[in-house]
Protein backbone atom coordinates (compact mmCIF):
# COMPACT_ATOMS: atom_id res chain seq x y z
CA UNK A 1 25.38 -55.97 -30.51
CA UNK A 2 21.84 -55.29 -31.67
CA UNK A 3 18.88 -56.75 -29.80
CA UNK A 4 15.57 -56.89 -31.63
CA UNK A 5 13.47 -57.47 -28.53
CA UNK A 6 13.73 -56.74 -24.81
CA UNK A 7 14.09 -60.28 -23.55
CA UNK A 8 16.27 -62.57 -21.48
CA UNK A 9 19.44 -62.22 -23.64
CA UNK A 10 19.35 -58.44 -23.20
CA UNK A 11 18.79 -58.92 -19.46
CA UNK A 12 21.93 -61.06 -19.11
CA UNK A 13 23.93 -58.77 -21.40
CA UNK A 14 23.08 -55.64 -19.40
CA UNK A 15 23.95 -57.24 -16.08
CA UNK A 16 27.29 -58.57 -17.31
CA UNK A 17 28.10 -55.36 -19.18
CA UNK A 18 27.60 -53.16 -16.14
CA UNK A 19 29.43 -55.58 -13.84
CA UNK A 20 32.47 -55.45 -16.09
CA UNK A 21 32.23 -51.68 -16.50
CA UNK A 22 32.01 -51.01 -12.76
CA UNK A 23 34.78 -53.52 -12.04
CA UNK A 24 37.12 -51.83 -14.51
CA UNK A 25 36.32 -48.35 -13.27
CA UNK A 26 36.99 -49.19 -9.62
CA UNK A 27 40.07 -51.29 -10.40
CA UNK A 28 41.65 -48.69 -12.69
CA UNK A 29 40.90 -45.88 -10.24
CA UNK A 30 42.63 -47.74 -7.41
CA UNK A 31 45.57 -48.50 -9.73
CA UNK A 32 45.77 -44.84 -10.68
CA UNK A 33 45.71 -43.75 -7.05
CA UNK A 34 48.52 -46.18 -6.22
CA UNK A 35 50.48 -44.83 -9.17
CA UNK A 36 50.02 -41.21 -8.03
CA UNK A 37 51.27 -42.10 -4.56
CA UNK A 38 54.24 -43.86 -6.15
CA UNK A 39 55.13 -40.77 -8.16
CA UNK A 40 54.61 -38.43 -5.23
CA UNK A 41 56.56 -40.41 -2.62
CA UNK A 42 59.15 -42.05 -4.85
CA UNK A 43 59.06 -45.26 -2.84
CA UNK A 44 58.35 -48.68 -4.28
CA UNK A 45 55.12 -49.24 -6.18
CA UNK A 46 52.76 -51.07 -3.84
CA UNK A 47 49.62 -52.45 -5.42
CA UNK A 48 48.07 -55.71 -4.31
CA UNK A 49 46.34 -56.97 -7.46
CA UNK A 50 44.45 -59.78 -5.74
CA UNK A 51 43.16 -57.58 -2.92
CA UNK A 52 42.10 -54.80 -5.28
CA UNK A 53 40.49 -57.29 -7.68
CA UNK A 54 38.40 -58.85 -4.94
CA UNK A 55 37.42 -55.42 -3.62
CA UNK A 56 36.42 -54.24 -7.10
CA UNK A 57 34.49 -57.45 -7.73
CA UNK A 58 32.67 -57.13 -4.40
CA UNK A 59 31.44 -53.69 -5.44
CA UNK A 60 30.81 -54.52 -9.13
CA UNK A 61 28.54 -57.53 -8.62
CA UNK A 62 25.77 -55.81 -6.64
CA UNK A 63 26.16 -52.48 -8.42
CA UNK A 64 26.17 -53.97 -11.90
CA UNK A 65 23.26 -56.26 -11.10
CA UNK A 66 21.08 -53.46 -9.81
CA UNK A 67 21.99 -51.11 -12.65
CA UNK A 68 21.53 -53.78 -15.33
CA UNK A 69 18.14 -54.86 -13.97
CA UNK A 70 17.02 -51.24 -13.69
CA UNK A 71 17.97 -50.42 -17.27
CA UNK A 72 16.29 -53.62 -18.49
CA UNK A 73 13.06 -52.76 -16.64
CA UNK A 74 13.12 -49.28 -18.14
CA UNK A 75 13.60 -50.71 -21.63
CA UNK A 76 10.82 -53.25 -21.05
CA UNK A 77 8.40 -50.54 -19.92
CA UNK A 78 9.35 -48.36 -22.89
CA UNK A 79 8.76 -51.27 -25.26
CA UNK A 80 5.29 -51.88 -23.76
CA UNK A 81 4.46 -48.18 -24.02
CA UNK A 82 5.58 -48.06 -27.65
CA UNK A 83 3.57 -51.17 -28.53
CA UNK A 84 0.42 -49.76 -26.89
CA UNK A 85 0.69 -46.44 -28.75
CA UNK A 86 1.27 -48.16 -32.09
CA UNK A 87 -1.84 -50.35 -31.64
CA UNK A 88 -4.20 -47.38 -31.17
């Protein structure tokens, strides 16, 4: 997806993108850890999808929001800097 301008659509995109990315990273890491314990112990595979999903979501929402807003602010400042240097 190509954004021509640093505006509100990019703001929403960055927040949602990083929320999803952090959610998937945490969820897949916890699934991988459960799988390693399953292979090591040989017992039944215990993974509570609902509990791990809510845990991952509780970490992804604030983390993705802060990261998305921070990247958007950096892009906004860079756009202002580039526009000021091109005017001179």
